[in-house]
Amino acid sequence: MARDFEYVFVYGTLRRSFQNHRLLSRSPCLGGASTRERYALYVGEYPCVVRDQPVSPIVGEVYKVDPATLMVLDALEEHPQVYRREKVPVVLDDGREIEAW
């Protein structure tokens, strides 16, 4: 049976206090988290993660989103043309590890 939600890890403008967070207003926040793997994070016009440059874990937040919200986020991020959404292991601040987009 398919889940009716997905976990989404956010590290840029979708985080609390940033301009696009309103799109997650109906999505429960699981709390702070960081990626298990190390990546490079570049901030220019928008944040960009580079997988093949293992600098450090990326710090962000995890949300439980429904399919409609995920579609809205994909439209915002222009997935897959500008951003490419991928599942990665993240470690929540409470120590639990989950897979999140």
PDB file of N, CA and C in Angstrom:
ATOM      1  N   MET A   1       0.835  -1.185   0.000  1.00  0.00           N
ATOM      2  CA  MET A   1       0.000   0.000   0.000  1.00  0.00           C
ATOM      3  C   MET A   1       0.882   1.252   0.000  1.00  0.00           C
ATOM      4  N   ALA A   2       0.590   2.175  -0.880  1.00  0.00           N
ATOM      5  CA  ALA A   2       1.380   3.404  -0.999  1.00  0.00           C
ATOM      6  C   ALA A   2       1.042   4.363   0.142  1.00  0.00           C
ATOM      7  N   ARG A   3       2.052   5.080   0.581  1.00  0.00           N
ATOM      8  CA  ARG A   3       1.836   6.100   1.612  1.00  0.00           C
ATOM      9  C   ARG A   3       1.117   7.292   1.003  1.00  0.00           C
ATOM     10  N   ASP A   4       0.392   8.002   1.834  1.00  0.00           N
ATOM     11  CA  ASP A   4      -0.280   9.211   1.362  1.00  0.00           C
ATOM     12  C   ASP A   4       0.511  10.464   1.719  1.00  0.00           C
ATOM     13  N   PHE A   5       1.811  10.285   1.988  1.00  0.00           N
ATOM     14  CA  PHE A   5       2.681  11.414   2.303  1.00  0.00           C
ATOM     15  C   PHE A   5       4.110  11.066   1.909  1.00  0.00           C
ATOM     16  N   GLU A   6       4.933  12.098   1.850  1.00  0.00           N
ATOM     17  CA  GLU A   6       6.372  11.949   1.632  1.00  0.00           C
ATOM     18  C   GLU A   6       7.092  12.843   2.624  1.00  0.00           C
ATOM     19  N   TYR A   7       8.307  12.482   2.965  1.00  0.00           N
ATOM     20  CA  TYR A   7       9.159  13.354   3.768  1.00  0.00           C
ATOM     21  C   TYR A   7       9.982  14.210   2.815  1.00  0.00           C
ATOM     22  N   VAL A   8      10.036  15.510   3.099  1.00  0.00           N
ATOM     23  CA  VAL A   8      10.802  16.440   2.276  1.00  0.00           C
ATOM     24  C   VAL A   8      11.777  17.192   3.176  1.00  0.00           C
ATOM     25  N   PHE A   9      13.041  17.150   2.804  1.00  0.00           N
ATOM     26  CA  PHE A   9      14.108  17.871   3.498  1.00  0.00           C
ATOM     27  C   PHE A   9      14.298  19.207   2.784  1.00  0.00           C
ATOM     28  N   VAL A  10      14.201  20.307   3.517  1.00  0.00           N
ATOM     29  CA  VAL A  10      14.368  21.632   2.917  1.00  0.00           C
ATOM     30  C   VAL A  10      15.569  22.325   3.544  1.00  0.00           C
ATOM     31  N   TYR A  11      16.315  23.061   2.728  1.00  0.00           N
ATOM     32  CA  TYR A  11      17.544  23.701   3.203  1.00  0.00           C
ATOM     33  C   TYR A  11      17.690  25.130   2.709  1.00  0.00           C
ATOM     34  N   GLY A  12      16.689  25.643   2.014  1.00  0.00           N
ATOM     35  CA  GLY A  12      16.784  26.989   1.449  1.00  0.00           C
ATOM     36  C   GLY A  12      15.557  27.807   1.764  1.00  0.00           C
ATOM     37  N   THR A  13      14.931  28.356   0.737  1.00  0.00           N
ATOM     38  CA  THR A  13      13.839  29.311   0.919  1.00  0.00           C
ATOM     39  C   THR A  13      12.557  28.691   1.448  1.00  0.00           C
ATOM     40  N   LEU A  14      12.500  27.368   1.571  1.00  0.00           N
ATOM     41  CA  LEU A  14      11.313  26.720   2.146  1.00  0.00           C
ATOM     42  C   LEU A  14      11.409  26.575   3.661  1.00  0.00           C
ATOM     43  N   ARG A  15      12.541  26.888   4.243  1.00  0.00           N
ATOM     44  CA  ARG A  15      12.712  26.783   5.699  1.00  0.00           C
ATOM     45  C   ARG A  15      11.899  27.858   6.414  1.00  0.00           C
ATOM     46  N   ARG A  16      11.626  27.593   7.698  1.00  0.00           N
ATOM     47  CA  ARG A  16      10.927  28.588   8.521  1.00  0.00           C
ATOM     48  C   ARG A  16      11.627  29.933   8.415  1.00  0.00           C
ATOM     49  N   SER A  17      10.864  31.001   8.384  1.00  0.00           N
ATOM     50  CA  SER A  17      11.343  32.383   8.310  1.00  0.00           C
ATOM     51  C   SER A  17      11.791  32.809   6.921  1.00  0.00           C
ATOM     52  N   PHE A  18      11.702  31.941   5.933  1.00  0.00           N
ATOM     53  CA  PHE A  18      12.080  32.321   4.579  1.00  0.00           C
ATOM     54  C   PHE A  18      10.836  32.464   3.705  1.00  0.00           C
ATOM     55  N   GLN A  19      11.004  33.114   2.544  1.00  0.00           N
ATOM     56  CA  GLN A  19       9.861  33.563   1.757  1.00  0.00           C
ATOM     57  C   GLN A  19       8.953  32.464   1.220  1.00  0.00           C
ATOM     58  N   ASN A  20       9.438  31.271   0.998  1.00  0.00           N
ATOM     59  CA  ASN A  20       8.579  30.227   0.434  1.00  0.00           C
ATOM     60  C   ASN A  20       8.026  29.250   1.467  1.00  0.00           C
ATOM     61  N   HIS A  21       8.305  29.491   2.732  1.00  0.00           N
ATOM     62  CA  HIS A  21       7.836  28.585   3.786  1.00  0.00           C
ATOM     63  C   HIS A  21       6.307  28.485   3.825  1.00  0.00           C
ATOM     64  N   ARG A  22       5.617  29.501   3.374  1.00  0.00           N
ATOM     65  CA  ARG A  22       4.140  29.498   3.367  1.00  0.00           C
ATOM     66  C   ARG A  22       3.587  28.295   2.616  1.00  0.00           C
ATOM     67  N   LEU A  23       4.357  27.762   1.655  1.00  0.00           N
ATOM     68  CA  LEU A  23       3.906  26.604   0.894  1.00  0.00           C
ATOM     69  C   LEU A  23       3.851  25.335   1.745  1.00  0.00           C
ATOM     70  N   LEU A  24       4.488  25.364   2.907  1.00  0.00           N
ATOM     71  CA  LEU A  24       4.494  24.222   3.825  1.00  0.00           C
ATOM     72  C   LEU A  24       3.602  24.456   5.038  1.00  0.00           C
ATOM     73  N   SER A  25       2.743  25.465   4.982  1.00  0.00           N
ATOM     74  CA  SER A  25       1.937  25.851   6.148  1.00  0.00           C
ATOM     75  C   SER A  25       1.018  24.738   6.651  1.00  0.00           C
ATOM     76  N   ARG A  26       0.634  23.812   5.787  1.00  0.00           N
ATOM     77  CA  ARG A  26      -0.257  22.707   6.194  1.00  0.00           C
ATOM     78  C   ARG A  26       0.506  21.400   6.407  1.00  0.00           C
ATOM     79  N   SER A  27       1.820  21.469   6.340  1.00  0.00           N
ATOM     80  CA  SER A  27       2.648  20.266   6.457  1.00  0.00           C
ATOM     81  C   SER A  27       3.330  20.227   7.822  1.00  0.00           C
ATOM     82  N   PRO A  28       3.167  19.128   8.563  1.00  0.00           N
ATOM     83  CA  PRO A  28       3.821  19.027   9.867  1.00  0.00           C
ATOM     84  C   PRO A  28       5.346  19.000   9.720  1.00  0.00           C
ATOM     85  N   CYS A  29       6.003  19.726  10.604  1.00  0.00           N
ATOM     86  CA  CYS A  29       7.465  19.746  10.626  1.00  0.00           C
ATOM     87  C   CYS A  29       7.950  18.689  11.616  1.00  0.00           C
ATOM     88  N   LEU A  30       8.842  17.809  11.161  1.00  0.00           N
ATOM     89  CA  LEU A  30       9.424  16.810  12.049  1.00  0.00           C
ATOM     90  C   LEU A  30      10.575  17.395  12.848  1.00  0.00           C
ATOM     91  N   GLY A  31      11.076  18.548  12.419  1.00  0.00           N
ATOM     92  CA  GLY A  31      12.152  19.224  13.132  1.00  0.00           C
ATOM     93  C   GLY A  31      13.377  19.415  12.263  1.00  0.00           C
ATOM     94  N   GLY A  32      14.432  19.841  12.927  1.00  0.00           N
ATOM     95  CA  GLY A  32      15.698  20.048  12.244  1.00  0.00           C
ATOM     96  C   GLY A  32      16.312  18.717  11.851  1.00  0.00           C
ATOM     97  N   ALA A  33      17.181  18.785  10.853  1.00  0.00           N
ATOM     98  CA  ALA A  33      17.838  17.571  10.366  1.00  0.00           C
ATOM     99  C   ALA A  33      19.077  17.971   9.581  1.00  0.00           C
ATOM    100  N   SER A  34      19.895  16.973   9.302  1.00  0.00           N
ATOM    101  CA  SER A  34      21.039  17.178   8.409  1.00  0.00           C
ATOM    102  C   SER A  34      21.209  15.935   7.556  1.00  0.00           C
ATOM    103  N   THR A  35      21.803  16.123   6.391  1.00  0.00           N
ATOM    104  CA  THR A  35      22.038  14.986   5.520  1.00  0.00           C
ATOM    105  C   THR A  35      23.072  14.066   6.160  1.00  0.00           C
ATOM    106  N   ARG A  36      22.916  12.767   5.943  1.00  0.00           N
ATOM    107  CA  ARG A  36      23.902  11.815   6.458  1.00  0.00           C
ATOM    108  C   ARG A  36      25.212  11.961   5.691  1.00  0.00           C
ATOM    109  N   GLU A  37      25.100  12.147   4.386  1.00  0.00           N
ATOM    110  CA  GLU A  37      26.284  12.300   3.531  1.00  0.00           C
ATOM    111  C   GLU A  37      26.734  13.758   3.496  1.00  0.00           C
ATOM    112  N   ARG A  38      27.939  13.947   3.030  1.00  0.00           N
ATOM    113  CA  ARG A  38      28.499  15.295   2.894  1.00  0.00           C
ATOM    114  C   ARG A  38      28.320  15.784   1.452  1.00  0.00           C
ATOM    115  N   TYR A  39      27.999  17.049   1.329  1.00  0.00           N
ATOM    116  CA  TYR A  39      27.816  17.693   0.031  1.00  0.00           C
ATOM    117  C   TYR A  39      28.389  19.105   0.105  1.00  0.00           C
ATOM    118  N   ALA A  40      28.460  19.771  -1.046  1.00  0.00           N
ATOM    119  CA  ALA A  40      28.784  21.193  -1.077  1.00  0.00           C
ATOM    120  C   ALA A  40      27.478  21.957  -1.249  1.00  0.00           C
ATOM    121  N   LEU A  41      27.341  23.070  -0.553  1.00  0.00           N
ATOM    122  CA  LEU A  41      26.167  23.937  -0.682  1.00  0.00           C
ATOM    123  C   LEU A  41      26.644  25.307  -1.130  1.00  0.00           C
ATOM    124  N   TYR A  42      26.176  25.734  -2.281  1.00  0.00           N
ATOM    125  CA  TYR A  42      26.511  27.046  -2.812  1.00  0.00           C
ATOM    126  C   TYR A  42      25.265  27.915  -2.777  1.00  0.00           C
ATOM    127  N   VAL A  43      25.444  29.163  -2.357  1.00  0.00           N
ATOM    128  CA  VAL A  43      24.319  30.083  -2.284  1.00  0.00           C
ATOM    129  C   VAL A  43      24.602  31.248  -3.223  1.00  0.00           C
ATOM    130  N   GLY A  44      23.759  31.354  -4.223  1.00  0.00           N
ATOM    131  CA  GLY A  44      23.834  32.460  -5.172  1.00  0.00           C
ATOM    132  C   GLY A  44      22.445  33.039  -5.268  1.00  0.00           C
ATOM    133  N   GLU A  45      21.907  33.064  -6.469  1.00  0.00           N
ATOM    134  CA  GLU A  45      20.524  33.496  -6.643  1.00  0.00           C
ATOM    135  C   GLU A  45      19.585  32.560  -5.871  1.00  0.00           C
ATOM    136  N   TYR A  46      19.964  31.274  -5.788  1.00  0.00           N
ATOM    137  CA  TYR A  46      19.241  30.285  -5.002  1.00  0.00           C
ATOM    138  C   TYR A  46      20.252  29.237  -4.526  1.00  0.00           C
ATOM    139  N   PRO A  47      19.952  28.537  -3.421  1.00  0.00           N
ATOM    140  CA  PRO A  47      20.886  27.526  -2.919  1.00  0.00           C
ATOM    141  C   PRO A  47      21.004  26.343  -3.884  1.00  0.00           C
ATOM    142  N   CYS A  48      22.210  25.809  -3.977  1.00  0.00           N
ATOM    143  CA  CYS A  48      22.464  24.689  -4.874  1.00  0.00           C
ATOM    144  C   CYS A  48      23.374  23.679  -4.175  1.00  0.00           C
ATOM    145  N   VAL A  49      22.946  22.423  -4.131  1.00  0.00           N
ATOM    146  CA  VAL A  49      23.743  21.355  -3.533  1.00  0.00           C
ATOM    147  C   VAL A  49      24.461  20.603  -4.640  1.00  0.00           C
ATOM    148  N   VAL A  50      25.754  20.336  -4.405  1.00  0.00           N
ATOM    149  CA  VAL A  50      26.561  19.577  -5.360  1.00  0.00           C
ATOM    150  C   VAL A  50      26.961  18.276  -4.685  1.00  0.00           C
ATOM    151  N   ARG A  51      26.490  17.166  -5.245  1.00  0.00           N
ATOM    152  CA  ARG A  51      26.691  15.843  -4.638  1.00  0.00           C
ATOM    153  C   ARG A  51      28.135  15.365  -4.683  1.00  0.00           C
ATOM    154  N   ASP A  52      28.870  15.673  -5.735  1.00  0.00           N
ATOM    155  CA  ASP A  52      30.209  15.097  -5.882  1.00  0.00           C
ATOM    156  C   ASP A  52      31.319  15.943  -5.245  1.00  0.00           C
ATOM    157  N   GLN A  53      30.936  16.869  -4.372  1.00  0.00           N
ATOM    158  CA  GLN A  53      31.908  17.655  -3.611  1.00  0.00           C
ATOM    159  C   GLN A  53      31.599  17.475  -2.124  1.00  0.00           C
ATOM    160  N   PRO A  54      32.197  16.462  -1.468  1.00  0.00           N
ATOM    161  CA  PRO A  54      31.851  16.124  -0.080  1.00  0.00           C
ATOM    162  C   PRO A  54      32.456  17.091   0.949  1.00  0.00           C
ATOM    163  N   VAL A  55      31.821  18.224   1.136  1.00  0.00           N
ATOM    164  CA  VAL A  55      32.322  19.249   2.057  1.00  0.00           C
ATOM    165  C   VAL A  55      31.794  19.027   3.468  1.00  0.00           C
ATOM    166  N   SER A  56      30.482  18.968   3.625  1.00  0.00           N
ATOM    167  CA  SER A  56      29.886  18.800   4.953  1.00  0.00           C
ATOM    168  C   SER A  56      28.419  18.399   4.802  1.00  0.00           C
ATOM    169  N   PRO A  57      27.812  17.891   5.887  1.00  0.00           N
ATOM    170  CA  PRO A  57      26.371  17.643   5.831  1.00  0.00           C
ATOM    171  C   PRO A  57      25.624  18.958   5.618  1.00  0.00           C
ATOM    172  N   ILE A  58      24.477  18.881   4.972  1.00  0.00           N
ATOM    173  CA  ILE A  58      23.622  20.050   4.761  1.00  0.00           C
ATOM    174  C   ILE A  58      22.607  20.077   5.898  1.00  0.00           C
ATOM    175  N   VAL A  59      22.419  21.221   6.496  1.00  0.00           N
ATOM    176  CA  VAL A  59      21.494  21.396   7.618  1.00  0.00           C
ATOM    177  C   VAL A  59      20.183  21.967   7.095  1.00  0.00           C
ATOM    178  N   GLY A  60      19.063  21.426   7.586  1.00  0.00           N
ATOM    179  CA  GLY A  60      17.763  21.917   7.156  1.00  0.00           C
ATOM    180  C   GLY A  60      16.660  21.438   8.068  1.00  0.00           C
ATOM    181  N   GLU A  61      15.473  21.268   7.508  1.00  0.00           N
ATOM    182  CA  GLU A  61      14.279  20.835   8.239  1.00  0.00           C
ATOM    183  C   GLU A  61      13.561  19.775   7.412  1.00  0.00           C
ATOM    184  N   VAL A  62      12.811  18.899   8.090  1.00  0.00           N
ATOM    185  CA  VAL A  62      12.055  17.861   7.401  1.00  0.00           C
ATOM    186  C   VAL A  62      10.566  18.079   7.636  1.00  0.00           C
ATOM    187  N   TYR A  63       9.786  17.964   6.551  1.00  0.00           N
ATOM    188  CA  TYR A  63       8.339  18.118   6.594  1.00  0.00           C
ATOM    189  C   TYR A  63       7.674  16.879   6.036  1.00  0.00           C
ATOM    190  N   LYS A  64       6.504  16.575   6.565  1.00  0.00           N
ATOM    191  CA  LYS A  64       5.663  15.491   6.070  1.00  0.00           C
ATOM    192  C   LYS A  64       4.644  16.138   5.143  1.00  0.00           C
ATOM    193  N   VAL A  65       4.747  15.867   3.835  1.00  0.00           N
ATOM    194  CA  VAL A  65       3.902  16.562   2.864  1.00  0.00           C
ATOM    195  C   VAL A  65       2.999  15.586   2.121  1.00  0.00           C
ATOM    196  N   ASP A  66       1.832  16.068   1.747  1.00  0.00           N
ATOM    197  CA  ASP A  66       0.903  15.260   0.958  1.00  0.00           C
ATOM    198  C   ASP A  66       1.265  15.397  -0.524  1.00  0.00           C
ATOM    199  N   PRO A  67       0.705  14.536  -1.380  1.00  0.00           N
ATOM    200  CA  PRO A  67       1.052  14.581  -2.808  1.00  0.00           C
ATOM    201  C   PRO A  67       0.782  15.934  -3.467  1.00  0.00           C
ATOM    202  N   ALA A  68      -0.287  16.604  -3.083  1.00  0.00           N
ATOM    203  CA  ALA A  68      -0.594  17.908  -3.684  1.00  0.00           C
ATOM    204  C   ALA A  68       0.486  18.932  -3.331  1.00  0.00           C
ATOM    205  N   THR A  69       0.932  18.923  -2.083  1.00  0.00           N
ATOM    206  CA  THR A  69       1.989  19.856  -1.667  1.00  0.00           C
ATOM    207  C   THR A  69       3.291  19.535  -2.386  1.00  0.00           C
ATOM    208  N   LEU A  70       3.602  18.262  -2.542  1.00  0.00           N
ATOM    209  CA  LEU A  70       4.816  17.877  -3.253  1.00  0.00           C
ATOM    210  C   LEU A  70       4.782  18.398  -4.694  1.00  0.00           C
ATOM    211  N   MET A  71       3.625  18.358  -5.322  1.00  0.00           N
ATOM    212  CA  MET A  71       3.492  18.891  -6.684  1.00  0.00           C
ATOM    213  C   MET A  71       3.728  20.402  -6.713  1.00  0.00           C
ATOM    214  N   VAL A  72       3.240  21.104  -5.689  1.00  0.00           N
ATOM    215  CA  VAL A  72       3.455  22.552  -5.599  1.00  0.00           C
ATOM    216  C   VAL A  72       4.939  22.855  -5.428  1.00  0.00           C
ATOM    217  N   LEU A  73       5.605  22.080  -4.569  1.00  0.00           N
ATOM    218  CA  LEU A  73       7.042  22.275  -4.356  1.00  0.00           C
ATOM    219  C   LEU A  73       7.821  21.988  -5.639  1.00  0.00           C
ATOM    220  N   ASP A  74       7.443  20.922  -6.346  1.00  0.00           N
ATOM    221  CA  ASP A  74       8.112  20.603  -7.614  1.00  0.00           C
ATOM    222  C   ASP A  74       7.940  21.734  -8.623  1.00  0.00           C
ATOM    223  N   ALA A  75       6.763  22.344  -8.662  1.00  0.00           N
ATOM    224  CA  ALA A  75       6.536  23.465  -9.576  1.00  0.00           C
ATOM    225  C   ALA A  75       7.409  24.660  -9.179  1.00  0.00           C
ATOM    226  N   LEU A  76       7.472  24.954  -7.891  1.00  0.00           N
ATOM    227  CA  LEU A  76       8.312  26.059  -7.405  1.00  0.00           C
ATOM    228  C   LEU A  76       9.766  25.834  -7.792  1.00  0.00           C
ATOM    229  N   GLU A  77      10.256  24.632  -7.556  1.00  0.00           N
ATOM    230  CA  GLU A  77      11.668  24.311  -7.790  1.00  0.00           C
ATOM    231  C   GLU A  77      11.972  23.944  -9.238  1.00  0.00           C
ATOM    232  N   GLU A  78      10.934  23.921 -10.078  1.00  0.00           N
ATOM    233  CA  GLU A  78      11.071  23.579 -11.492  1.00  0.00           C
ATOM    234  C   GLU A  78      11.742  22.216 -11.680  1.00  0.00           C
ATOM    235  N   HIS A  79      11.251  21.253 -10.893  1.00  0.00           N
ATOM    236  CA  HIS A  79      11.736  19.878 -10.987  1.00  0.00           C
ATOM    237  C   HIS A  79      11.193  19.235 -12.247  1.00  0.00           C
ATOM    238  N   PRO A  80      11.973  18.595 -13.061  1.00  0.00           N
ATOM    239  CA  PRO A  80      13.398  18.300 -12.910  1.00  0.00           C
ATOM    240  C   PRO A  80      14.316  19.193 -13.750  1.00  0.00           C
ATOM    241  N   GLN A  81      13.818  20.302 -14.287  1.00  0.00           N
ATOM    242  CA  GLN A  81      14.657  21.138 -15.150  1.00  0.00           C
ATOM    243  C   GLN A  81      15.708  21.927 -14.374  1.00  0.00           C
ATOM    244  N   VAL A  82      15.320  22.576 -13.263  1.00  0.00           N
ATOM    245  CA  VAL A  82      16.260  23.415 -12.506  1.00  0.00           C
ATOM    246  C   VAL A  82      16.812  22.628 -11.320  1.00  0.00           C
ATOM    247  N   TYR A  83      15.926  22.148 -10.466  1.00  0.00           N
ATOM    248  CA  TYR A  83      16.322  21.272  -9.355  1.00  0.00           C
ATOM    249  C   TYR A  83      15.930  19.851  -9.729  1.00  0.00           C
ATOM    250  N   ARG A  84      16.705  18.890  -9.237  1.00  0.00           N
ATOM    251  CA  ARG A  84      16.347  17.483  -9.428  1.00  0.00           C
ATOM    252  C   ARG A  84      16.134  16.884  -8.044  1.00  0.00           C
ATOM    253  N   ARG A  85      14.918  16.513  -7.782  1.00  0.00           N
ATOM    254  CA  ARG A  85      14.547  15.956  -6.469  1.00  0.00           C
ATOM    255  C   ARG A  85      15.067  14.527  -6.375  1.00  0.00           C
ATOM    256  N   GLU A  86      15.778  14.223  -5.275  1.00  0.00           N
ATOM    257  CA  GLU A  86      16.313  12.884  -5.036  1.00  0.00           C
ATOM    258  C   GLU A  86      16.123  12.525  -3.568  1.00  0.00           C
ATOM    259  N   LYS A  87      15.879  11.241  -3.305  1.00  0.00           N
ATOM    260  CA  LYS A  87      15.786  10.782  -1.918  1.00  0.00           C
ATOM    261  C   LYS A  87      17.182  10.542  -1.374  1.00  0.00           C
ATOM    262  N   VAL A  88      17.400  11.052  -0.154  1.00  0.00           N
ATOM    263  CA  VAL A  88      18.679  10.853   0.522  1.00  0.00           C
ATOM    264  C   VAL A  88      18.414  10.561   1.992  1.00  0.00           C
ATOM    265  N   PRO A  89      19.350   9.892   2.660  1.00  0.00           N
ATOM    266  CA  PRO A  89      19.196   9.683   4.094  1.00  0.00           C
ATOM    267  C   PRO A  89      19.479  10.981   4.856  1.00  0.00           C
ATOM    268  N   VAL A  90      18.584  11.302   5.773  1.00  0.00           N
ATOM    269  CA  VAL A  90      18.785  12.462   6.649  1.00  0.00           C
ATOM    270  C   VAL A  90      18.654  12.013   8.103  1.00  0.00           C
ATOM    271  N   VAL A  91      19.363  12.719   8.967  1.00  0.00           N
ATOM    272  CA  VAL A  91      19.333  12.409  10.392  1.00  0.00           C
ATOM    273  C   VAL A  91      18.609  13.541  11.101  1.00  0.00           C
ATOM    274  N   LEU A  92      17.492  13.206  11.730  1.00  0.00           N
ATOM    275  CA  LEU A  92      16.730  14.195  12.480  1.00  0.00           C
ATOM    276  C   LEU A  92      17.494  14.578  13.742  1.00  0.00           C
ATOM    277  N   ASP A  93      17.190  15.742  14.275  1.00  0.00           N
ATOM    278  CA  ASP A  93      17.870  16.205  15.486  1.00  0.00           C
ATOM    279  C   ASP A  93      17.704  15.247  16.660  1.00  0.00           C
ATOM    280  N   ASP A  94      16.633  14.432  16.652  1.00  0.00           N
ATOM    281  CA  ASP A  94      16.435  13.470  17.743  1.00  0.00           C
ATOM    282  C   ASP A  94      17.194  12.160  17.514  1.00  0.00           C
ATOM    283  N   GLY A  95      17.976  12.091  16.401  1.00  0.00           N
ATOM    284  CA  GLY A  95      18.804  10.925  16.139  1.00  0.00           C
ATOM    285  C   GLY A  95      18.216   9.909  15.180  1.00  0.00           C
ATOM    286  N   ARG A  96      16.910  10.007  14.901  1.00  0.00           N
ATOM    287  CA  ARG A  96      16.300   9.074  13.940  1.00  0.00           C
ATOM    288  C   ARG A  96      16.813   9.369  12.528  1.00  0.00           C
ATOM    289  N   GLU A  97      16.981   8.292  11.752  1.00  0.00           N
ATOM    290  CA  GLU A  97      17.375   8.452  10.358  1.00  0.00           C
ATOM    291  C   GLU A  97      16.216   8.031   9.471  1.00  0.00           C
ATOM    292  N   ILE A  98      15.918   8.873   8.480  1.00  0.00           N
ATOM    293  CA  ILE A  98      14.843   8.578   7.524  1.00  0.00           C
ATOM    294  C   ILE A  98      15.331   8.921   6.118  1.00  0.00           C
ATOM    295  N   GLU A  99      14.580   8.460   5.131  1.00  0.00           N
ATOM    296  CA  GLU A  99      14.826   8.846   3.737  1.00  0.00           C
ATOM    297  C   GLU A  99      13.880  10.000   3.426  1.00  0.00           C
ATOM    298  N   ALA A 100      14.404  11.040   2.828  1.00  0.00           N
ATOM    299  CA  ALA A 100      13.578  12.213   2.491  1.00  0.00           C
ATOM    300  C   ALA A 100      13.980  12.729   1.114  1.00  0.00           C
ATOM    301  N   TRP A 101      13.000  13.311   0.434  1.00  0.00           N
ATOM    302  CA  TRP A 101      13.275  13.985  -0.832  1.00  0.00           C
ATOM    303  C   TRP A 101      14.031  15.254  -0.537  1.00  0.00           C
TER     304      TRP A 101
END
